[in-house]
Amino acid sequence: MLAVFAIGAVLLVWIGRRQTEAAARTLGRILGALTGLIYAAVLIYSLIPPSITWSVPLQLTDLATAAGAYALWSQRHWAVTLTYYWGLTLSVQALISPVLRGPDFPNYRFLAFWAIHLLVVWAAIYLTWGRGYRPTWRDYRFAICVTLAWAVTALTFNSIAGSNYGFLNRKPSTPSLLDLFGPWPSYVFVAAVLILIVWALITWPWQRISRRIPS
């Protein structure tokens, strides 16, 4: 699946740099609709039977997928911003250490998991290196504020429902990077600081480039 990811990323960047604006809108809407349809199917499946611990769309993956689908469809700046920061860090982490339990390929749950995460990361890569999105420090602050609002909401919901959306109350049962950050709640704070640093690092180079290029 990582090989599929790499091939798809290179192909989308190659296509994005050679597209006309009309072709980019068409491809963006096709990919956005595909992402939205797959996410809708996954969401409906989670409601059979419904459960307060897994059926509520409060995982950051839910927000990233919705933002990615809308960013591809509309190319609105705020949606592209969230897709960039969430897709290139948090969704990439899901590719490296997937929280996936169940049958292997070609089971539909396997395909749905990888399709959602691949499409979000591909969207971030396509819109940035293919279509020219450039993050700013304002975008950095916006992504932090939205993510903080989500974390507060998810933590509050988890405390009431006994759920674990966002893995904010306990680590996933499968191996992940969080295993290196100590027990709860220290791993939450370590992960938050790491996210702030990584997001700054993926903003800073673009800002240096933009200052060197005349308006």
C-alpha atoms as a PDB file:
ATOM      1  CA  MET A   1       0.000   0.000   0.000  1.00  0.00           C
ATOM      2  CA  LEU A   2       2.917   2.359   0.611  1.00  0.00           C
ATOM      3  CA  ALA A   3       4.117   1.613  -2.922  1.00  0.00           C
ATOM      4  CA  VAL A   4       0.638   2.490  -4.232  1.00  0.00           C
ATOM      5  CA  PHE A   5       0.810   5.697  -2.201  1.00  0.00           C
ATOM      6  CA  ALA A   6       4.187   6.689  -3.671  1.00  0.00           C
ATOM      7  CA  ILE A   7       3.153   5.971  -7.256  1.00  0.00           C
ATOM      8  CA  GLY A   8      -0.132   7.851  -6.859  1.00  0.00           C
ATOM      9  CA  ALA A   9       1.583  10.862  -5.271  1.00  0.00           C
ATOM     10  CA  VAL A  10       4.125  11.188  -8.088  1.00  0.00           C
ATOM     11  CA  LEU A  11       1.427  10.781 -10.729  1.00  0.00           C
ATOM     12  CA  LEU A  12      -0.843  13.427  -9.192  1.00  0.00           C
ATOM     13  CA  VAL A  13       1.984  15.958  -8.936  1.00  0.00           C
ATOM     14  CA  TRP A  14       2.942  15.296 -12.559  1.00  0.00           C
ATOM     15  CA  ILE A  15      -0.662  15.745 -13.698  1.00  0.00           C
ATOM     16  CA  GLY A  16      -1.285  18.786 -11.503  1.00  0.00           C
ATOM     17  CA  ARG A  17       1.663  20.723 -12.917  1.00  0.00           C
ATOM     18  CA  ARG A  18       0.522  20.189 -16.492  1.00  0.00           C
ATOM     19  CA  GLN A  19      -3.203  20.878 -16.105  1.00  0.00           C
ATOM     20  CA  THR A  20      -5.185  23.837 -17.271  1.00  0.00           C
ATOM     21  CA  GLU A  21      -7.436  25.491 -14.709  1.00  0.00           C
ATOM     22  CA  ALA A  22     -10.482  23.840 -16.257  1.00  0.00           C
ATOM     23  CA  ALA A  23      -8.873  20.399 -16.164  1.00  0.00           C
ATOM     24  CA  ALA A  24      -7.812  20.965 -12.548  1.00  0.00           C
ATOM     25  CA  ARG A  25     -11.380  21.848 -11.534  1.00  0.00           C
ATOM     26  CA  THR A  26     -12.694  18.736 -13.256  1.00  0.00           C
ATOM     27  CA  LEU A  27     -10.156  16.389 -11.676  1.00  0.00           C
ATOM     28  CA  GLY A  28     -10.581  18.048  -8.291  1.00  0.00           C
ATOM     29  CA  ARG A  29     -14.324  17.517  -8.377  1.00  0.00           C
ATOM     30  CA  ILE A  30     -13.938  13.903  -9.467  1.00  0.00           C
ATOM     31  CA  LEU A  31     -11.467  13.151  -6.663  1.00  0.00           C
ATOM     32  CA  GLY A  32     -13.480  15.179  -4.155  1.00  0.00           C
ATOM     33  CA  ALA A  33     -16.699  13.356  -5.009  1.00  0.00           C
ATOM     34  CA  LEU A  34     -14.919   9.996  -4.834  1.00  0.00           C
ATOM     35  CA  THR A  35     -13.470  10.850  -1.413  1.00  0.00           C
ATOM     36  CA  GLY A  36     -16.855  12.028  -0.170  1.00  0.00           C
ATOM     37  CA  LEU A  37     -18.677   8.930  -1.421  1.00  0.00           C
ATOM     38  CA  ILE A  38     -16.181   6.545   0.164  1.00  0.00           C
ATOM     39  CA  TYR A  39     -16.342   8.455   3.445  1.00  0.00           C
ATOM     40  CA  ALA A  40     -20.151   8.438   3.376  1.00  0.00           C
ATOM     41  CA  ALA A  41     -20.134   4.661   2.859  1.00  0.00           C
ATOM     42  CA  VAL A  42     -17.729   4.194   5.786  1.00  0.00           C
ATOM     43  CA  LEU A  43     -19.858   6.445   7.990  1.00  0.00           C
ATOM     44  CA  ILE A  44     -23.038   4.545   7.131  1.00  0.00           C
ATOM     45  CA  TYR A  45     -21.289   1.230   7.824  1.00  0.00           C
ATOM     46  CA  SER A  46     -20.255   2.493  11.280  1.00  0.00           C
ATOM     47  CA  LEU A  47     -23.942   2.963  12.089  1.00  0.00           C
ATOM     48  CA  ILE A  48     -24.691  -0.760  11.649  1.00  0.00           C
ATOM     49  CA  PRO A  49     -25.316  -1.120  14.560  1.00  0.00           C
ATOM     50  CA  PRO A  50     -24.862   2.415  15.904  1.00  0.00           C
ATOM     51  CA  SER A  51     -22.595   2.860  18.901  1.00  0.00           C
ATOM     52  CA  ILE A  52     -21.674   5.984  20.818  1.00  0.00           C
ATOM     53  CA  THR A  53     -18.098   4.722  21.089  1.00  0.00           C
ATOM     54  CA  TRP A  54     -17.369   4.449  17.345  1.00  0.00           C
ATOM     55  CA  SER A  55     -20.287   5.763  15.234  1.00  0.00           C
ATOM     56  CA  VAL A  56     -19.917   9.471  16.012  1.00  0.00           C
ATOM     57  CA  PRO A  57     -17.715  11.203  13.369  1.00  0.00           C
ATOM     58  CA  LEU A  58     -15.305  12.647  15.921  1.00  0.00           C
ATOM     59  CA  GLN A  59     -12.062  11.028  14.841  1.00  0.00           C
ATOM     60  CA  LEU A  60      -9.635  13.487  13.312  1.00  0.00           C
ATOM     61  CA  THR A  61      -9.709  11.196  10.288  1.00  0.00           C
ATOM     62  CA  ASP A  62     -13.378  12.118   9.849  1.00  0.00           C
ATOM     63  CA  LEU A  63     -12.560  15.819   9.800  1.00  0.00           C
ATOM     64  CA  ALA A  64      -9.507  15.349   7.577  1.00  0.00           C
ATOM     65  CA  THR A  65     -11.480  13.306   5.049  1.00  0.00           C
ATOM     66  CA  ALA A  66     -14.319  15.837   4.942  1.00  0.00           C
ATOM     67  CA  ALA A  67     -11.840  18.714   4.590  1.00  0.00           C
ATOM     68  CA  GLY A  68      -9.918  16.861   1.884  1.00  0.00           C
ATOM     69  CA  ALA A  69     -13.046  16.091  -0.111  1.00  0.00           C
ATOM     70  CA  TYR A  70     -14.222  19.710   0.095  1.00  0.00           C
ATOM     71  CA  ALA A  71     -10.755  21.070  -0.681  1.00  0.00           C
ATOM     72  CA  LEU A  72     -10.550  18.974  -3.840  1.00  0.00           C
ATOM     73  CA  TRP A  73     -14.069  19.921  -4.899  1.00  0.00           C
ATOM     74  CA  SER A  74     -13.921  23.662  -4.169  1.00  0.00           C
ATOM     75  CA  GLN A  75     -10.209  24.446  -3.630  1.00  0.00           C
ATOM     76  CA  ARG A  76     -11.286  26.830  -0.862  1.00  0.00           C
ATOM     77  CA  HIS A  77      -8.224  28.102   0.971  1.00  0.00           C
ATOM     78  CA  TRP A  78      -9.299  27.131   4.495  1.00  0.00           C
ATOM     79  CA  ALA A  79     -10.125  23.578   3.421  1.00  0.00           C
ATOM     80  CA  VAL A  80      -6.838  23.224   1.550  1.00  0.00           C
ATOM     81  CA  THR A  81      -5.031  24.498   4.660  1.00  0.00           C
ATOM     82  CA  LEU A  82      -6.564  21.871   6.922  1.00  0.00           C
ATOM     83  CA  THR A  83      -5.931  19.173   4.319  1.00  0.00           C
ATOM     84  CA  TYR A  84      -2.276  20.216   4.125  1.00  0.00           C
ATOM     85  CA  TYR A  85      -1.568  20.162   7.850  1.00  0.00           C
ATOM     86  CA  TRP A  86      -3.743  17.184   8.784  1.00  0.00           C
ATOM     87  CA  GLY A  87      -3.000  15.184   5.659  1.00  0.00           C
ATOM     88  CA  LEU A  88       0.778  15.526   5.591  1.00  0.00           C
ATOM     89  CA  THR A  89       1.274  14.690   9.276  1.00  0.00           C
ATOM     90  CA  LEU A  90      -1.605  12.931  11.003  1.00  0.00           C
ATOM     91  CA  SER A  91      -2.924  11.000   8.007  1.00  0.00           C
ATOM     92  CA  VAL A  92       0.624  10.052   7.003  1.00  0.00           C
ATOM     93  CA  GLN A  93       1.069   8.601  10.480  1.00  0.00           C
ATOM     94  CA  ALA A  94      -1.977   6.394   9.795  1.00  0.00           C
ATOM     95  CA  LEU A  95      -0.216   5.074   6.690  1.00  0.00           C
ATOM     96  CA  ILE A  96       2.934   4.240   8.639  1.00  0.00           C
ATOM     97  CA  SER A  97       1.225   2.614  11.633  1.00  0.00           C
ATOM     98  CA  PRO A  98      -2.379   1.883  10.608  1.00  0.00           C
ATOM     99  CA  VAL A  99      -4.908   1.219  13.356  1.00  0.00           C
ATOM    100  CA  LEU A 100      -6.429  -1.582  11.325  1.00  0.00           C
ATOM    101  CA  ARG A 101      -7.910  -4.734  12.783  1.00  0.00           C
ATOM    102  CA  GLY A 102      -9.648  -7.319  10.635  1.00  0.00           C
ATOM    103  CA  PRO A 103      -9.219  -9.228   7.367  1.00  0.00           C
ATOM    104  CA  ASP A 104      -6.473  -8.302   4.931  1.00  0.00           C
ATOM    105  CA  PHE A 105      -6.816  -7.388   1.247  1.00  0.00           C
ATOM    106  CA  PRO A 106      -9.255  -7.581  -0.537  1.00  0.00           C
ATOM    107  CA  ASN A 107     -11.722  -7.227   2.366  1.00  0.00           C
ATOM    108  CA  TYR A 108     -13.886  -4.120   2.023  1.00  0.00           C
ATOM    109  CA  ARG A 109     -12.836  -2.781   5.445  1.00  0.00           C
ATOM    110  CA  PHE A 110      -9.188  -2.991   4.407  1.00  0.00           C
ATOM    111  CA  LEU A 111      -9.910  -1.211   1.131  1.00  0.00           C
ATOM    112  CA  ALA A 112     -12.033   1.494   2.786  1.00  0.00           C
ATOM    113  CA  PHE A 113      -9.399   2.260   5.415  1.00  0.00           C
ATOM    114  CA  TRP A 114      -6.608   2.653   2.900  1.00  0.00           C
ATOM    115  CA  ALA A 115      -8.760   4.486   0.361  1.00  0.00           C
ATOM    116  CA  ILE A 116      -9.715   7.204   2.853  1.00  0.00           C
ATOM    117  CA  HIS A 117      -6.220   7.762   4.182  1.00  0.00           C
ATOM    118  CA  LEU A 118      -4.529   7.595   0.797  1.00  0.00           C
ATOM    119  CA  LEU A 119      -6.970  10.050  -0.757  1.00  0.00           C
ATOM    120  CA  VAL A 120      -6.482  12.608   2.022  1.00  0.00           C
ATOM    121  CA  VAL A 121      -2.685  12.506   1.756  1.00  0.00           C
ATOM    122  CA  TRP A 122      -2.864  12.519  -2.031  1.00  0.00           C
ATOM    123  CA  ALA A 123      -5.144  15.565  -1.859  1.00  0.00           C
ATOM    124  CA  ALA A 124      -2.602  17.453   0.251  1.00  0.00           C
ATOM    125  CA  ILE A 125       0.246  16.537  -2.097  1.00  0.00           C
ATOM    126  CA  TYR A 126      -1.722  17.280  -5.269  1.00  0.00           C
ATOM    127  CA  LEU A 127      -2.979  20.676  -4.074  1.00  0.00           C
ATOM    128  CA  THR A 128       0.462  21.730  -2.784  1.00  0.00           C
ATOM    129  CA  TRP A 129       3.049  20.405  -5.228  1.00  0.00           C
ATOM    130  CA  GLY A 130       0.672  19.937  -8.133  1.00  0.00           C
ATOM    131  CA  ARG A 131      -1.542  23.032  -7.951  1.00  0.00           C
ATOM    132  CA  GLY A 132       0.623  25.512  -6.062  1.00  0.00           C
ATOM    133  CA  TYR A 133      -0.888  25.929  -2.594  1.00  0.00           C
ATOM    134  CA  ARG A 134       1.624  27.617  -0.277  1.00  0.00           C
ATOM    135  CA  PRO A 135       1.001  27.580   3.492  1.00  0.00           C
ATOM    136  CA  THR A 136       1.560  30.743   5.540  1.00  0.00           C
ATOM    137  CA  TRP A 137       2.026  31.397   9.241  1.00  0.00           C
ATOM    138  CA  ARG A 138      -1.581  32.563   9.301  1.00  0.00           C
ATOM    139  CA  ASP A 139      -2.604  29.154   7.954  1.00  0.00           C
ATOM    140  CA  TYR A 140      -0.424  27.550  10.637  1.00  0.00           C
ATOM    141  CA  ARG A 141      -2.281  29.425  13.385  1.00  0.00           C
ATOM    142  CA  PHE A 142      -5.640  28.610  11.796  1.00  0.00           C
ATOM    143  CA  ALA A 143      -4.870  24.873  11.707  1.00  0.00           C
ATOM    144  CA  ILE A 144      -3.785  24.978  15.356  1.00  0.00           C
ATOM    145  CA  CYS A 145      -6.976  26.742  16.463  1.00  0.00           C
ATOM    146  CA  VAL A 146      -9.252  24.327  14.584  1.00  0.00           C
ATOM    147  CA  THR A 147      -7.345  21.288  15.871  1.00  0.00           C
ATOM    148  CA  LEU A 148      -7.452  22.609  19.438  1.00  0.00           C
ATOM    149  CA  ALA A 149     -11.219  23.139  19.161  1.00  0.00           C
ATOM    150  CA  TRP A 150     -11.590  19.560  17.936  1.00  0.00           C
ATOM    151  CA  ALA A 151      -9.424  18.206  20.776  1.00  0.00           C
ATOM    152  CA  VAL A 152     -11.462  20.009  23.436  1.00  0.00           C
ATOM    153  CA  THR A 153     -14.696  18.738  21.886  1.00  0.00           C
ATOM    154  CA  ALA A 154     -13.426  15.161  21.590  1.00  0.00           C
ATOM    155  CA  LEU A 155     -12.031  15.125  25.135  1.00  0.00           C
ATOM    156  CA  THR A 156     -15.312  16.415  26.529  1.00  0.00           C
ATOM    157  CA  PHE A 157     -17.301  13.858  24.571  1.00  0.00           C
ATOM    158  CA  ASN A 158     -14.945  11.055  25.594  1.00  0.00           C
ATOM    159  CA  SER A 159     -15.282  11.934  29.260  1.00  0.00           C
ATOM    160  CA  ILE A 160     -19.077  11.772  29.012  1.00  0.00           C
ATOM    161  CA  ALA A 161     -19.464   8.763  26.717  1.00  0.00           C
ATOM    162  CA  GLY A 162     -16.448   6.705  27.805  1.00  0.00           C
ATOM    163  CA  SER A 163     -15.197   6.673  24.207  1.00  0.00           C
ATOM    164  CA  ASN A 164     -11.696   7.256  22.864  1.00  0.00           C
ATOM    165  CA  TYR A 165     -12.058   9.465  19.792  1.00  0.00           C
ATOM    166  CA  GLY A 166      -8.717  10.783  18.625  1.00  0.00           C
ATOM    167  CA  PHE A 167      -6.938   8.380  21.008  1.00  0.00           C
ATOM    168  CA  LEU A 168      -6.972  11.261  23.480  1.00  0.00           C
ATOM    169  CA  ASN A 169      -7.929   9.094  26.457  1.00  0.00           C
ATOM    170  CA  ARG A 170      -5.858   5.999  25.755  1.00  0.00           C
ATOM    171  CA  LYS A 171      -3.490   4.683  23.127  1.00  0.00           C
ATOM    172  CA  PRO A 172      -4.662   2.502  20.221  1.00  0.00           C
ATOM    173  CA  SER A 173      -4.399  -1.240  20.735  1.00  0.00           C
ATOM    174  CA  THR A 174      -2.121  -1.531  17.697  1.00  0.00           C
ATOM    175  CA  PRO A 175       1.510  -0.280  17.701  1.00  0.00           C
ATOM    176  CA  SER A 176       1.916   3.435  17.011  1.00  0.00           C
ATOM    177  CA  LEU A 177       4.244   6.365  17.521  1.00  0.00           C
ATOM    178  CA  LEU A 178       2.332   7.202  20.696  1.00  0.00           C
ATOM    179  CA  ASP A 179       3.924   4.183  22.369  1.00  0.00           C
ATOM    180  CA  LEU A 180       7.165   6.178  22.549  1.00  0.00           C
ATOM    181  CA  PHE A 181       5.630   9.109  24.410  1.00  0.00           C
ATOM    182  CA  GLY A 182       4.895   7.584  27.798  1.00  0.00           C
ATOM    183  CA  PRO A 183       1.591   6.865  29.554  1.00  0.00           C
ATOM    184  CA  TRP A 184      -1.571   8.953  29.537  1.00  0.00           C
ATOM    185  CA  PRO A 185      -1.796  11.937  29.765  1.00  0.00           C
ATOM    186  CA  SER A 186       1.876  12.648  29.029  1.00  0.00           C
ATOM    187  CA  TYR A 187       1.680  11.149  25.526  1.00  0.00           C
ATOM    188  CA  VAL A 188      -1.074  13.625  24.622  1.00  0.00           C
ATOM    189  CA  PHE A 189       1.082  16.621  25.567  1.00  0.00           C
ATOM    190  CA  VAL A 190       4.192  15.206  23.895  1.00  0.00           C
ATOM    191  CA  ALA A 191       2.229  14.542  20.699  1.00  0.00           C
ATOM    192  CA  ALA A 192       0.761  18.064  20.798  1.00  0.00           C
ATOM    193  CA  VAL A 193       4.199  19.681  21.133  1.00  0.00           C
ATOM    194  CA  LEU A 194       5.561  17.469  18.364  1.00  0.00           C
ATOM    195  CA  ILE A 195       2.690  18.452  16.077  1.00  0.00           C
ATOM    196  CA  LEU A 196       3.337  22.154  16.692  1.00  0.00           C
ATOM    197  CA  ILE A 197       7.008  21.705  15.819  1.00  0.00           C
ATOM    198  CA  VAL A 198       6.405  19.586  12.716  1.00  0.00           C
ATOM    199  CA  TRP A 199       3.708  21.950  11.438  1.00  0.00           C
ATOM    200  CA  ALA A 200       6.093  24.864  11.887  1.00  0.00           C
ATOM    201  CA  LEU A 201       8.777  22.962   9.985  1.00  0.00           C
ATOM    202  CA  ILE A 202       6.453  22.317   7.037  1.00  0.00           C
ATOM    203  CA  THR A 203       5.423  25.994   6.973  1.00  0.00           C
ATOM    204  CA  TRP A 204       8.817  27.686   7.308  1.00  0.00           C
ATOM    205  CA  PRO A 205      10.375  26.555   3.968  1.00  0.00           C
ATOM    206  CA  TRP A 206       7.434  27.850   1.943  1.00  0.00           C
ATOM    207  CA  GLN A 207       7.643  31.203   3.705  1.00  0.00           C
ATOM    208  CA  ARG A 208      11.353  31.495   2.927  1.00  0.00           C
ATOM    209  CA  ILE A 209      10.674  30.693  -0.719  1.00  0.00           C
ATOM    210  CA  SER A 210       7.818  33.244  -0.938  1.00  0.00           C
ATOM    211  CA  ARG A 211      10.077  36.006   0.449  1.00  0.00           C
ATOM    212  CA  ARG A 212      12.687  35.301  -2.205  1.00  0.00           C
ATOM    213  CA  ILE A 213      10.220  35.428  -5.120  1.00  0.00           C
ATOM    214  CA  PRO A 214       9.106  38.949  -6.212  1.00  0.00           C
ATOM    215  CA  SER A 215       5.368  39.617  -5.995  1.00  0.00           C
END
